[in-house]
Amino acid sequence: MPEANATFDGLIPEVYDNHLGAVLFEPYAADLVNRLKPRGVKEVLELACGTGIVTRALVEGLKPRRLVATDLNEPMINYARSKVAAAPGLEWRQADASTLPFPDSSFDAVVCQFGVMFVPDKLAAMKEARRVLRPGGVFAFNVWDRIEENDLGRTAHETITKFFPFDPPQFYTIPFGFHDSKLIGSMLGDAGFADVQIERVEKESKSPSAAHLAVGLVRGNPVVNAIQERGGVEVGTVIAAVEEALRGRYGDSPLTAKMKAWIVMASRGKESK
């Protein structure tokens, strides 16, 4: 995966959080936390914490004794730290999911919301998640289903690529590119996980307006950098086109659309090795 497609810097974290957070990510953050509540986990590692949407939900919903929120992108961590209130046991740390800087058997749960898709070596990341889990611990994460099953991502991708017929930005193929549930289950088995449960969950995305959402879908991720690098069209023109497409398909004030994701709960197993 080109590094540019995984670099969330500049104004991207703020736009991502303000324009996409409640629309795309908060519903699934609540879902993950609700699945973890019955397990009574006390020490949690979060991978790809982004702007802290799941971090905040974990703090409020689980009240863990220790929560280490990590991300590869320093700008994301800095923004999250500024948005999420300090809490007992909450730590922030830059970390690569493929080479975690933590001892074996350090956590009761490893949590990752819509981040595994961006990891180049997914099997290595799964093995690392299992390594740092205690026996009986769980790796809880979600990934988007196919782009065809996700209205907003599909509309944004189709609209943006029309401006660049010879070299279209490919960012949106990344977050929706790891959707094969059988492959995910097989990789988790190869990584050593014992009990793997995978469930497709559909939720409704709701935005105050097509205009508000269009800004997030263009300026709230690295696709904006790809548009600017290619030139020939102003970012504002692309946003206006995405807004028009969204309004025509899903209404306005508010805008509602469907989204689907795979929710994965993978057990570390009881054995000590």
Protein backbone atom coordinates (compact mmCIF):
# COMPACT_ATOMS: atom_id res chain seq x y z
CA MET A 1 0.00 0.00 0.00
CA PRO A 2 1.47 3.38 -0.95
CA GLU A 3 2.42 5.33 2.16
CA ALA A 4 0.38 8.33 0.97
CA ASN A 5 -2.82 6.30 1.40
CA ALA A 6 -2.09 5.75 5.09
CA THR A 7 -0.84 9.23 6.05
CA PHE A 8 -3.39 11.21 8.05
CA ASP A 9 -1.74 14.56 8.75
CA GLY A 10 -2.28 18.30 8.41
CA LEU A 11 -5.96 19.19 8.80
CA ILE A 12 -7.11 15.64 8.03
CA PRO A 13 -7.52 14.46 11.67
CA GLU A 14 -9.73 17.44 12.58
CA VAL A 15 -11.93 17.14 9.47
CA TYR A 16 -12.10 13.35 9.87
CA ASP A 17 -13.28 13.68 13.46
CA ASN A 18 -15.73 16.55 12.97
CA HIS A 19 -17.32 15.44 9.69
CA LEU A 20 -17.07 11.63 9.73
CA GLY A 21 -16.77 10.61 13.37
CA ALA A 22 -20.44 10.54 14.34
CA VAL A 23 -21.55 9.47 10.87
CA LEU A 24 -19.36 6.43 10.26
CA PHE A 25 -17.45 5.49 13.36
CA GLU A 26 -19.36 6.15 16.58
CA PRO A 27 -22.08 3.54 15.89
CA TYR A 28 -19.51 0.78 15.43
CA ALA A 29 -17.42 2.01 18.37
CA ALA A 30 -20.45 1.50 20.63
CA ASP A 31 -20.95 -1.96 19.13
CA LEU A 32 -17.37 -3.03 19.95
CA VAL A 33 -17.57 -1.73 23.51
CA ASN A 34 -20.89 -3.49 24.13
CA ARG A 35 -19.36 -6.79 23.02
CA LEU A 36 -16.46 -6.32 25.44
CA LYS A 37 -18.52 -5.33 28.50
CA PRO A 38 -19.52 -8.86 29.55
CA ARG A 39 -15.88 -9.97 29.50
CA GLY A 40 -14.86 -7.62 32.31
CA VAL A 41 -11.55 -6.68 30.70
CA LYS A 42 -9.33 -4.42 32.81
CA GLU A 43 -6.21 -3.84 30.73
CA VAL A 44 -6.78 -2.90 27.09
CA LEU A 45 -4.57 -2.08 24.11
CA GLU A 46 -6.10 -0.08 21.28
CA LEU A 47 -4.51 -0.18 17.84
CA ALA A 48 -5.01 2.54 15.22
CA CYS A 49 -6.82 4.77 17.71
CA GLY A 50 -7.19 7.56 15.15
CA THR A 51 -8.86 10.62 16.65
CA GLY A 52 -9.89 8.78 19.81
CA ILE A 53 -13.47 7.83 18.97
CA VAL A 54 -13.13 4.27 20.28
CA THR A 55 -10.75 5.42 23.01
CA ARG A 56 -13.44 7.63 24.50
CA ALA A 57 -16.03 4.86 24.20
CA LEU A 58 -13.70 2.40 25.94
CA VAL A 59 -12.99 4.80 28.79
CA GLU A 60 -16.66 5.58 29.35
CA GLY A 61 -18.07 2.11 28.68
CA LEU A 62 -15.47 -0.18 30.25
CA LYS A 63 -13.63 2.03 32.74
CA PRO A 64 -10.51 -0.11 32.35
CA ARG A 65 -7.71 -0.06 34.87
CA ARG A 66 -5.26 0.54 32.00
CA LEU A 67 -5.91 1.61 28.42
CA VAL A 68 -3.02 2.16 26.02
CA ALA A 69 -4.19 3.95 22.87
CA THR A 70 -1.74 3.65 19.97
CA ASP A 71 -1.52 4.75 16.36
CA LEU A 72 1.19 4.77 13.73
CA ASN A 73 0.33 8.35 12.78
CA GLU A 74 1.64 10.87 15.31
CA PRO A 75 -0.75 13.64 14.11
CA MET A 76 -3.72 11.40 14.86
CA ILE A 77 -2.45 10.67 18.38
CA ASN A 78 -1.82 14.35 19.04
CA TYR A 79 -5.33 15.25 17.93
CA ALA A 80 -6.89 12.42 19.95
CA ARG A 81 -4.99 13.45 23.06
CA SER A 82 -6.40 16.97 22.69
CA LYS A 83 -9.98 15.69 22.31
CA VAL A 84 -10.24 12.85 24.82
CA ALA A 85 -10.35 13.90 28.46
CA ALA A 86 -7.62 12.55 30.70
CA ALA A 87 -8.68 9.44 32.57
CA PRO A 88 -7.07 7.14 35.15
CA GLY A 89 -4.90 4.57 33.42
CA LEU A 90 -5.16 6.15 29.95
CA GLU A 91 -1.87 6.25 28.03
CA TRP A 92 -1.04 7.45 24.50
CA ARG A 93 1.75 5.89 22.48
CA GLN A 94 2.91 5.76 18.88
CA ALA A 95 3.21 2.14 17.76
CA ASP A 96 3.28 -0.06 14.67
CA ALA A 97 0.66 -2.81 14.90
CA SER A 98 3.06 -5.23 13.20
CA THR A 99 5.82 -4.79 15.81
CA LEU A 100 4.19 -3.89 19.11
CA PRO A 101 6.50 -2.52 21.81
CA PHE A 102 4.87 -4.48 24.66
CA PRO A 103 5.82 -7.68 26.52
CA ASP A 104 4.02 -10.96 25.99
CA SER A 105 0.70 -11.44 27.81
CA SER A 106 0.27 -7.77 28.74
CA PHE A 107 -3.44 -7.16 28.00
CA ASP A 108 -6.88 -8.68 28.46
CA ALA A 109 -8.11 -7.25 25.16
CA VAL A 110 -6.70 -5.76 21.97
CA VAL A 111 -9.15 -3.50 20.16
CA CYS A 112 -8.92 -2.02 16.67
CA GLN A 113 -11.62 -0.10 14.83
CA PHE A 114 -11.29 0.07 11.03
CA GLY A 115 -7.50 -0.04 11.19
CA VAL A 116 -6.47 -3.56 10.18
CA MET A 117 -7.16 -2.72 6.52
CA PHE A 118 -4.32 -0.18 6.54
CA VAL A 119 -1.69 -2.56 7.93
CA PRO A 120 0.55 -3.88 5.13
CA ASP A 121 1.43 -7.14 6.96
CA LYS A 122 -1.92 -8.15 8.42
CA LEU A 123 -0.81 -11.62 9.52
CA ALA A 124 2.10 -10.13 11.45
CA ALA A 125 -0.28 -7.73 13.18
CA MET A 126 -2.62 -10.57 14.12
CA LYS A 127 0.29 -12.56 15.55
CA GLU A 128 1.42 -9.53 17.52
CA ALA A 129 -2.08 -8.97 18.88
CA ARG A 130 -2.18 -12.57 20.09
CA ARG A 131 1.33 -12.34 21.57
CA VAL A 132 0.47 -9.39 23.82
CA LEU A 133 -2.83 -10.93 24.94
CA ARG A 134 -3.09 -12.91 28.15
CA PRO A 135 -4.53 -16.45 28.00
CA GLY A 136 -8.28 -16.07 27.53
CA GLY A 137 -7.88 -12.57 26.11
CA VAL A 138 -9.69 -11.33 23.01
CA PHE A 139 -8.76 -9.48 19.84
CA ALA A 140 -11.84 -7.37 18.98
CA PHE A 141 -11.85 -5.48 15.70
CA ASN A 142 -13.98 -4.46 12.76
CA VAL A 143 -13.41 -3.96 9.04
CA TRP A 144 -15.68 -2.56 6.37
CA ASP A 145 -17.62 -4.89 4.12
CA ARG A 146 -17.34 -4.44 0.32
CA ILE A 147 -17.52 -0.88 -0.96
CA GLU A 148 -20.67 -1.86 -2.86
CA GLU A 149 -22.34 -2.43 0.53
CA ASN A 150 -21.32 0.98 1.88
CA ASP A 151 -23.23 3.83 0.28
CA LEU A 152 -21.06 6.76 1.30
CA GLY A 153 -17.67 5.30 0.45
CA ARG A 154 -18.97 4.01 -2.89
CA THR A 155 -20.49 7.36 -3.84
CA ALA A 156 -17.35 9.29 -2.88
CA HIS A 157 -15.07 6.91 -4.78
CA GLU A 158 -17.22 6.88 -7.93
CA THR A 159 -17.55 10.66 -7.97
CA ILE A 160 -13.89 11.42 -7.32
CA THR A 161 -12.56 8.96 -9.90
CA LYS A 162 -14.65 10.60 -12.66
CA PHE A 163 -12.35 13.64 -12.45
CA PHE A 164 -9.24 11.52 -13.13
CA PRO A 165 -9.99 8.97 -15.87
CA PHE A 166 -6.33 8.10 -16.47
CA ASP A 167 -4.95 8.00 -12.92
CA PRO A 168 -7.78 8.02 -10.34
CA PRO A 169 -6.99 8.27 -6.62
CA GLN A 170 -7.17 4.81 -5.05
CA PHE A 171 -7.54 5.67 -1.37
CA TYR A 172 -11.09 4.31 -1.07
CA THR A 173 -10.01 0.88 -2.29
CA ILE A 174 -7.93 0.51 0.91
CA PRO A 175 -10.51 0.79 3.73
CA PHE A 176 -12.95 -1.40 1.78
CA GLY A 177 -10.35 -3.85 0.52
CA PHE A 178 -10.19 -6.38 3.38
CA HIS A 179 -13.74 -7.72 3.41
CA ASP A 180 -13.38 -11.46 2.76
CA SER A 181 -14.64 -12.97 6.02
CA LYS A 182 -13.32 -16.44 5.15
CA LEU A 183 -9.86 -15.03 4.52
CA ILE A 184 -9.99 -13.07 7.78
CA GLY A 185 -10.96 -16.18 9.71
CA SER A 186 -8.24 -18.24 8.04
CA MET A 187 -5.56 -15.65 8.79
CA LEU A 188 -6.61 -15.46 12.44
CA GLY A 189 -6.34 -19.24 12.63
CA ASP A 190 -2.86 -19.06 11.11
CA ALA A 191 -1.99 -16.44 13.73
CA GLY A 192 -2.94 -18.92 16.48
CA PHE A 193 -6.34 -17.67 17.59
CA ALA A 194 -8.63 -20.41 18.88
CA ASP A 195 -12.25 -19.27 18.77
CA VAL A 196 -13.03 -16.79 15.99
CA GLN A 197 -16.49 -15.24 15.65
CA ILE A 198 -17.23 -13.01 12.64
CA GLU A 199 -20.54 -11.24 12.17
CA ARG A 200 -21.75 -8.86 9.46
CA VAL A 201 -23.50 -5.87 11.02
CA GLU A 202 -25.47 -3.23 9.13
CA LYS A 203 -26.02 0.21 10.62
CA GLU A 204 -27.43 3.52 9.47
CA SER A 205 -25.14 6.46 8.87
CA LYS A 206 -26.67 9.86 9.49
CA SER A 207 -25.20 13.28 8.70
CA PRO A 208 -26.70 16.74 9.29
CA SER A 209 -26.33 17.53 5.59
CA ALA A 210 -24.82 16.40 2.31
CA ALA A 211 -22.53 19.44 2.37
CA HIS A 212 -21.18 18.59 5.83
CA LEU A 213 -20.52 15.00 4.84
CA ALA A 214 -18.95 15.79 1.46
CA VAL A 215 -16.24 17.85 3.17
CA GLY A 216 -15.37 14.86 5.35
CA LEU A 217 -15.35 12.36 2.52
CA VAL A 218 -12.89 14.48 0.53
CA ARG A 219 -10.85 16.43 3.10
CA GLY A 220 -11.06 13.94 5.96
CA ASN A 221 -8.69 11.32 4.54
CA PRO A 222 -5.60 11.11 2.29
CA VAL A 223 -7.68 11.27 -0.91
CA VAL A 224 -7.43 15.07 -0.64
CA ASN A 225 -3.65 14.82 -1.02
CA ALA A 226 -4.04 12.64 -4.11
CA ILE A 227 -6.42 15.17 -5.67
CA GLN A 228 -4.03 18.04 -5.02
CA GLU A 229 -1.03 16.09 -6.32
CA ARG A 230 -2.75 15.30 -9.62
CA GLY A 231 -3.93 18.87 -10.18
CA GLY A 232 -6.28 19.99 -12.89
CA VAL A 233 -9.28 20.33 -10.60
CA GLU A 234 -9.86 22.28 -7.41
CA VAL A 235 -10.63 20.36 -4.25
CA GLY A 236 -13.70 22.54 -3.78
CA THR A 237 -15.03 21.43 -7.16
CA VAL A 238 -14.68 17.79 -6.17
CA ILE A 239 -16.42 18.44 -2.84
CA ALA A 240 -19.32 20.12 -4.64
CA ALA A 241 -19.68 17.12 -6.97
CA VAL A 242 -19.65 14.67 -4.05
CA GLU A 243 -22.22 16.80 -2.25
CA GLU A 244 -24.53 16.78 -5.26
CA ALA A 245 -24.22 13.01 -5.66
CA LEU A 246 -24.89 12.41 -1.97
CA ARG A 247 -27.93 14.67 -1.91
CA GLY A 248 -29.40 13.07 -5.01
CA ARG A 249 -29.03 9.53 -3.65
CA TYR A 250 -29.58 9.83 0.11
CA GLY A 251 -31.43 13.07 0.76
CA ASP A 252 -30.43 16.00 2.94
CA SER A 253 -31.00 17.58 6.35
CA PRO A 254 -30.44 14.90 7.53
CA LEU A 255 -28.78 12.56 5.09
CA THR A 256 -29.15 8.85 5.84
CA ALA A 257 -27.47 5.88 4.18
CA LYS A 258 -26.55 2.28 4.89
CA MET A 259 -23.19 0.89 5.95
CA LYS A 260 -22.02 -2.66 6.62
CA ALA A 261 -19.01 -3.98 8.47
CA TRP A 262 -17.62 -7.26 9.76
CA ILE A 263 -17.25 -7.48 13.54
CA VAL A 264 -14.56 -9.92 14.67
CA MET A 265 -14.00 -11.42 18.13
CA ALA A 266 -10.97 -13.73 18.23
CA SER A 267 -9.99 -15.54 21.43
CA ARG A 268 -6.38 -15.93 22.49
CA GLY A 269 -7.18 -19.33 23.97
CA LYS A 270 -6.47 -20.55 27.49
CA GLU A 271 -3.05 -22.06 26.86
CA SER A 272 -0.02 -20.14 28.12
CA LYS A 273 1.97 -20.35 24.86
